[in-house]
């Protein structure tokens, strides 16, 4: 049998003082499938734009979509992908492929997409109490993020009583 080679995505690279940096997204393969993660604590569904049918991503799971489909969803105003600001901020569906996020202008090398992660919660809980109370609404604002915050606190077994009580009051979700 003939062996086929998979096409690898490419990026232009620049060498700066012996350090290689990725500059821009140049992969034109829009049929490449990339992972999309649902951060919500419930199933999320939407109508597909590039093909017939609907898509369903169950709670806290991942599914692959083509870059074409993701682009169509974003350009058609699907807030699950584009978030509250149209640039992926506070999105319910997180694109796990960094070149695709940069291609859609959701993030740059200097400014990552503002999306809910376990690391974000750890970073918040490492802040002093006053800073934590001030920053929490900036990091956690949507219903999906509020639900995910309380699940993450329990899963990571965070143990800062004052901050957990504040989160419970802010989100409206009780401590389990």
C-alpha atoms as a PDB file:
ATOM      1  CA  UNK A   1       0.000   0.000   0.000  1.00  0.00           C
ATOM      2  CA  UNK A   2       1.059   3.524  -0.645  1.00  0.00           C
ATOM      3  CA  UNK A   3       1.946   5.554   2.399  1.00  0.00           C
ATOM      4  CA  UNK A   4       0.290   8.935   2.796  1.00  0.00           C
ATOM      5  CA  UNK A   5       1.717  11.785   4.757  1.00  0.00           C
ATOM      6  CA  UNK A   6      -0.441  14.084   6.836  1.00  0.00           C
ATOM      7  CA  UNK A   7      -0.208  17.747   5.999  1.00  0.00           C
ATOM      8  CA  UNK A   8       1.307  19.666   8.894  1.00  0.00           C
ATOM      9  CA  UNK A   9       0.211  23.215   9.704  1.00  0.00           C
ATOM     10  CA  UNK A  10       2.921  25.764   9.158  1.00  0.00           C
ATOM     11  CA  UNK A  11       3.746  29.051  10.761  1.00  0.00           C
ATOM     12  CA  UNK A  12       6.262  31.651   9.703  1.00  0.00           C
ATOM     13  CA  UNK A  13       9.122  31.791  12.145  1.00  0.00           C
ATOM     14  CA  UNK A  14      11.475  34.577  13.060  1.00  0.00           C
ATOM     15  CA  UNK A  15      14.794  34.140  14.824  1.00  0.00           C
ATOM     16  CA  UNK A  16      15.517  36.799  17.431  1.00  0.00           C
ATOM     17  CA  UNK A  17      18.828  36.396  19.262  1.00  0.00           C
ATOM     18  CA  UNK A  18      18.826  32.581  18.950  1.00  0.00           C
ATOM     19  CA  UNK A  19      15.161  32.408  19.993  1.00  0.00           C
ATOM     20  CA  UNK A  20      12.559  31.097  17.536  1.00  0.00           C
ATOM     21  CA  UNK A  21       9.183  32.833  17.634  1.00  0.00           C
ATOM     22  CA  UNK A  22       6.013  31.876  15.765  1.00  0.00           C
ATOM     23  CA  UNK A  23       4.778  34.936  13.896  1.00  0.00           C
ATOM     24  CA  UNK A  24       1.588  34.261  12.051  1.00  0.00           C
ATOM     25  CA  UNK A  25      -0.863  31.609  11.011  1.00  0.00           C
ATOM     26  CA  UNK A  26      -0.243  30.508   7.414  1.00  0.00           C
ATOM     27  CA  UNK A  27      -1.968  27.127   7.300  1.00  0.00           C
ATOM     28  CA  UNK A  28      -4.667  27.401   4.665  1.00  0.00           C
ATOM     29  CA  UNK A  29      -6.232  24.032   5.458  1.00  0.00           C
ATOM     30  CA  UNK A  30      -9.694  25.140   6.536  1.00  0.00           C
ATOM     31  CA  UNK A  31     -10.899  21.531   6.588  1.00  0.00           C
ATOM     32  CA  UNK A  32      -8.526  20.707   9.455  1.00  0.00           C
ATOM     33  CA  UNK A  33     -10.489  19.570  12.504  1.00  0.00           C
ATOM     34  CA  UNK A  34      -9.620  21.224  15.803  1.00  0.00           C
ATOM     35  CA  UNK A  35     -10.868  20.521  19.316  1.00  0.00           C
ATOM     36  CA  UNK A  36     -13.536  22.695  20.892  1.00  0.00           C
ATOM     37  CA  UNK A  37     -14.201  22.378  24.630  1.00  0.00           C
ATOM     38  CA  UNK A  38     -17.529  23.069  26.350  1.00  0.00           C
ATOM     39  CA  UNK A  39     -16.796  24.718  29.718  1.00  0.00           C
ATOM     40  CA  UNK A  40     -20.466  24.796  30.731  1.00  0.00           C
ATOM     41  CA  UNK A  41     -21.965  22.388  33.232  1.00  0.00           C
ATOM     42  CA  UNK A  42     -24.724  21.505  30.756  1.00  0.00           C
ATOM     43  CA  UNK A  43     -25.053  20.305  27.157  1.00  0.00           C
ATOM     44  CA  UNK A  44     -24.718  22.958  24.444  1.00  0.00           C
ATOM     45  CA  UNK A  45     -26.180  22.688  20.962  1.00  0.00           C
ATOM     46  CA  UNK A  46     -26.289  24.835  17.836  1.00  0.00           C
ATOM     47  CA  UNK A  47     -27.119  24.578  14.128  1.00  0.00           C
ATOM     48  CA  UNK A  48     -24.180  23.804  11.859  1.00  0.00           C
ATOM     49  CA  UNK A  49     -23.526  26.406   9.127  1.00  0.00           C
ATOM     50  CA  UNK A  50     -21.259  24.517   6.709  1.00  0.00           C
ATOM     51  CA  UNK A  51     -23.151  21.228   6.687  1.00  0.00           C
ATOM     52  CA  UNK A  52     -26.666  20.008   7.369  1.00  0.00           C
ATOM     53  CA  UNK A  53     -27.696  19.290  10.936  1.00  0.00           C
ATOM     54  CA  UNK A  54     -27.039  20.314  14.480  1.00  0.00           C
ATOM     55  CA  UNK A  55     -24.084  19.922  16.820  1.00  0.00           C
ATOM     56  CA  UNK A  56     -24.263  18.876  20.458  1.00  0.00           C
ATOM     57  CA  UNK A  57     -21.385  19.107  22.898  1.00  0.00           C
ATOM     58  CA  UNK A  58     -22.135  17.495  26.225  1.00  0.00           C
ATOM     59  CA  UNK A  59     -21.162  19.174  29.493  1.00  0.00           C
ATOM     60  CA  UNK A  60     -17.444  19.496  30.194  1.00  0.00           C
ATOM     61  CA  UNK A  61     -16.502  17.600  27.027  1.00  0.00           C
ATOM     62  CA  UNK A  62     -14.727  18.204  23.724  1.00  0.00           C
ATOM     63  CA  UNK A  63     -15.634  17.780  20.071  1.00  0.00           C
ATOM     64  CA  UNK A  64     -13.795  18.348  16.792  1.00  0.00           C
ATOM     65  CA  UNK A  65     -14.985  20.865  14.198  1.00  0.00           C
ATOM     66  CA  UNK A  66     -13.416  22.083  10.964  1.00  0.00           C
ATOM     67  CA  UNK A  67     -11.876  25.529  10.953  1.00  0.00           C
ATOM     68  CA  UNK A  68     -14.437  26.402   8.270  1.00  0.00           C
ATOM     69  CA  UNK A  69     -17.313  25.556  10.619  1.00  0.00           C
ATOM     70  CA  UNK A  70     -15.769  27.478  13.516  1.00  0.00           C
ATOM     71  CA  UNK A  71     -15.208  30.507  11.299  1.00  0.00           C
ATOM     72  CA  UNK A  72     -18.808  30.326  10.037  1.00  0.00           C
ATOM     73  CA  UNK A  73     -20.120  30.153  13.613  1.00  0.00           C
ATOM     74  CA  UNK A  74     -18.048  33.163  14.690  1.00  0.00           C
ATOM     75  CA  UNK A  75     -18.943  35.250  11.614  1.00  0.00           C
ATOM     76  CA  UNK A  76     -22.641  34.432  12.081  1.00  0.00           C
ATOM     77  CA  UNK A  77     -22.535  35.735  15.660  1.00  0.00           C
ATOM     78  CA  UNK A  78     -22.668  32.499  17.665  1.00  0.00           C
ATOM     79  CA  UNK A  79     -21.921  33.837  21.168  1.00  0.00           C
ATOM     80  CA  UNK A  80     -20.984  30.356  22.357  1.00  0.00           C
ATOM     81  CA  UNK A  81     -17.779  30.767  20.308  1.00  0.00           C
ATOM     82  CA  UNK A  82     -17.355  34.539  20.139  1.00  0.00           C
ATOM     83  CA  UNK A  83     -18.169  35.240  23.784  1.00  0.00           C
ATOM     84  CA  UNK A  84     -19.579  38.428  25.256  1.00  0.00           C
ATOM     85  CA  UNK A  85     -17.150  40.752  23.467  1.00  0.00           C
ATOM     86  CA  UNK A  86     -17.123  39.169  19.996  1.00  0.00           C
ATOM     87  CA  UNK A  87     -13.440  38.279  20.425  1.00  0.00           C
ATOM     88  CA  UNK A  88     -13.828  35.061  22.378  1.00  0.00           C
ATOM     89  CA  UNK A  89     -13.844  36.666  25.823  1.00  0.00           C
ATOM     90  CA  UNK A  90     -15.918  34.656  28.316  1.00  0.00           C
ATOM     91  CA  UNK A  91     -16.876  32.152  25.596  1.00  0.00           C
ATOM     92  CA  UNK A  92     -18.723  28.978  26.548  1.00  0.00           C
ATOM     93  CA  UNK A  93     -16.961  27.007  23.798  1.00  0.00           C
ATOM     94  CA  UNK A  94     -13.160  27.236  23.899  1.00  0.00           C
ATOM     95  CA  UNK A  95     -11.113  26.509  20.753  1.00  0.00           C
ATOM     96  CA  UNK A  96      -8.107  24.498  21.928  1.00  0.00           C
ATOM     97  CA  UNK A  97      -6.014  25.237  18.812  1.00  0.00           C
ATOM     98  CA  UNK A  98      -3.913  28.378  19.422  1.00  0.00           C
ATOM     99  CA  UNK A  99      -3.252  29.133  15.716  1.00  0.00           C
ATOM    100  CA  UNK A 100      -7.013  29.036  15.037  1.00  0.00           C
ATOM    101  CA  UNK A 101      -7.695  31.386  17.976  1.00  0.00           C
ATOM    102  CA  UNK A 102      -5.088  33.826  16.644  1.00  0.00           C
ATOM    103  CA  UNK A 103      -6.497  33.489  13.097  1.00  0.00           C
ATOM    104  CA  UNK A 104      -9.943  34.479  14.411  1.00  0.00           C
ATOM    105  CA  UNK A 105      -8.371  37.402  16.358  1.00  0.00           C
ATOM    106  CA  UNK A 106      -9.447  35.919  19.700  1.00  0.00           C
ATOM    107  CA  UNK A 107      -5.929  36.318  21.071  1.00  0.00           C
ATOM    108  CA  UNK A 108      -2.428  37.481  20.294  1.00  0.00           C
ATOM    109  CA  UNK A 109       0.931  36.235  21.491  1.00  0.00           C
ATOM    110  CA  UNK A 110       0.923  38.956  24.146  1.00  0.00           C
ATOM    111  CA  UNK A 111      -2.725  38.791  25.186  1.00  0.00           C
ATOM    112  CA  UNK A 112      -4.354  35.357  25.582  1.00  0.00           C
ATOM    113  CA  UNK A 113      -8.075  34.796  25.129  1.00  0.00           C
ATOM    114  CA  UNK A 114      -9.984  35.485  28.342  1.00  0.00           C
ATOM    115  CA  UNK A 115     -11.621  32.131  28.956  1.00  0.00           C
ATOM    116  CA  UNK A 116     -12.332  30.045  32.034  1.00  0.00           C
ATOM    117  CA  UNK A 117      -9.595  27.557  33.007  1.00  0.00           C
ATOM    118  CA  UNK A 118      -8.436  25.799  36.157  1.00  0.00           C
ATOM    119  CA  UNK A 119      -5.273  27.909  36.048  1.00  0.00           C
ATOM    120  CA  UNK A 120      -7.378  31.095  36.081  1.00  0.00           C
ATOM    121  CA  UNK A 121      -9.155  29.913  39.236  1.00  0.00           C
ATOM    122  CA  UNK A 122      -5.834  29.047  40.905  1.00  0.00           C
ATOM    123  CA  UNK A 123      -4.497  32.481  39.934  1.00  0.00           C
ATOM    124  CA  UNK A 124      -7.576  34.158  41.429  1.00  0.00           C
ATOM    125  CA  UNK A 125      -7.313  32.202  44.677  1.00  0.00           C
ATOM    126  CA  UNK A 126      -3.636  33.182  45.021  1.00  0.00           C
ATOM    127  CA  UNK A 127      -4.588  36.881  45.063  1.00  0.00           C
ATOM    128  CA  UNK A 128      -5.035  38.827  48.313  1.00  0.00           C
ATOM    129  CA  UNK A 129      -8.677  39.045  49.510  1.00  0.00           C
ATOM    130  CA  UNK A 130      -9.281  42.640  48.383  1.00  0.00           C
ATOM    131  CA  UNK A 131      -7.791  42.055  44.939  1.00  0.00           C
ATOM    132  CA  UNK A 132      -9.713  38.781  44.631  1.00  0.00           C
ATOM    133  CA  UNK A 133     -13.053  40.499  45.306  1.00  0.00           C
ATOM    134  CA  UNK A 134     -12.214  43.218  42.797  1.00  0.00           C
ATOM    135  CA  UNK A 135     -10.985  40.886  40.031  1.00  0.00           C
ATOM    136  CA  UNK A 136     -13.543  38.059  40.299  1.00  0.00           C
ATOM    137  CA  UNK A 137     -16.253  39.862  38.252  1.00  0.00           C
ATOM    138  CA  UNK A 138     -13.700  40.609  35.513  1.00  0.00           C
ATOM    139  CA  UNK A 139     -12.678  36.949  35.212  1.00  0.00           C
ATOM    140  CA  UNK A 140     -16.062  35.301  35.925  1.00  0.00           C
ATOM    141  CA  UNK A 141     -19.097  36.956  34.367  1.00  0.00           C
ATOM    142  CA  UNK A 142     -21.286  34.508  32.437  1.00  0.00           C
ATOM    143  CA  UNK A 143     -23.697  31.918  33.807  1.00  0.00           C
ATOM    144  CA  UNK A 144     -21.494  29.102  32.456  1.00  0.00           C
ATOM    145  CA  UNK A 145     -18.394  30.542  34.140  1.00  0.00           C
ATOM    146  CA  UNK A 146     -20.189  30.963  37.460  1.00  0.00           C
ATOM    147  CA  UNK A 147     -21.355  27.359  37.392  1.00  0.00           C
ATOM    148  CA  UNK A 148     -17.903  26.134  36.324  1.00  0.00           C
ATOM    149  CA  UNK A 149     -16.246  28.179  39.089  1.00  0.00           C
ATOM    150  CA  UNK A 150     -18.129  26.398  41.858  1.00  0.00           C
ATOM    151  CA  UNK A 151     -17.471  22.960  40.300  1.00  0.00           C
ATOM    152  CA  UNK A 152     -13.772  23.809  39.915  1.00  0.00           C
ATOM    153  CA  UNK A 153     -13.452  24.967  43.530  1.00  0.00           C
ATOM    154  CA  UNK A 154     -14.790  21.602  44.657  1.00  0.00           C
ATOM    155  CA  UNK A 155     -12.754  19.545  42.150  1.00  0.00           C
ATOM    156  CA  UNK A 156      -9.472  21.330  42.958  1.00  0.00           C
ATOM    157  CA  UNK A 157     -10.302  21.145  46.685  1.00  0.00           C
ATOM    158  CA  UNK A 158      -9.493  24.787  47.227  1.00  0.00           C
ATOM    159  CA  UNK A 159      -9.477  25.705  50.888  1.00  0.00           C
ATOM    160  CA  UNK A 160      -9.922  29.427  51.440  1.00  0.00           C
ATOM    161  CA  UNK A 161     -13.198  29.778  53.311  1.00  0.00           C
ATOM    162  CA  UNK A 162     -13.690  33.541  52.836  1.00  0.00           C
ATOM    163  CA  UNK A 163     -13.077  33.386  49.103  1.00  0.00           C
ATOM    164  CA  UNK A 164     -15.305  30.330  48.661  1.00  0.00           C
ATOM    165  CA  UNK A 165     -18.165  32.041  50.548  1.00  0.00           C
ATOM    166  CA  UNK A 166     -17.688  35.157  48.406  1.00  0.00           C
ATOM    167  CA  UNK A 167     -17.781  33.018  45.237  1.00  0.00           C
ATOM    168  CA  UNK A 168     -20.945  31.284  46.405  1.00  0.00           C
ATOM    169  CA  UNK A 169     -22.663  34.614  47.058  1.00  0.00           C
ATOM    170  CA  UNK A 170     -21.416  36.092  43.767  1.00  0.00           C
ATOM    171  CA  UNK A 171     -22.463  33.131  41.617  1.00  0.00           C
ATOM    172  CA  UNK A 172     -25.682  32.307  43.430  1.00  0.00           C
ATOM    173  CA  UNK A 173     -24.649  28.641  43.574  1.00  0.00           C
ATOM    174  CA  UNK A 174     -24.418  27.014  47.001  1.00  0.00           C
ATOM    175  CA  UNK A 175     -21.356  25.243  48.279  1.00  0.00           C
ATOM    176  CA  UNK A 176     -21.725  21.470  48.000  1.00  0.00           C
END
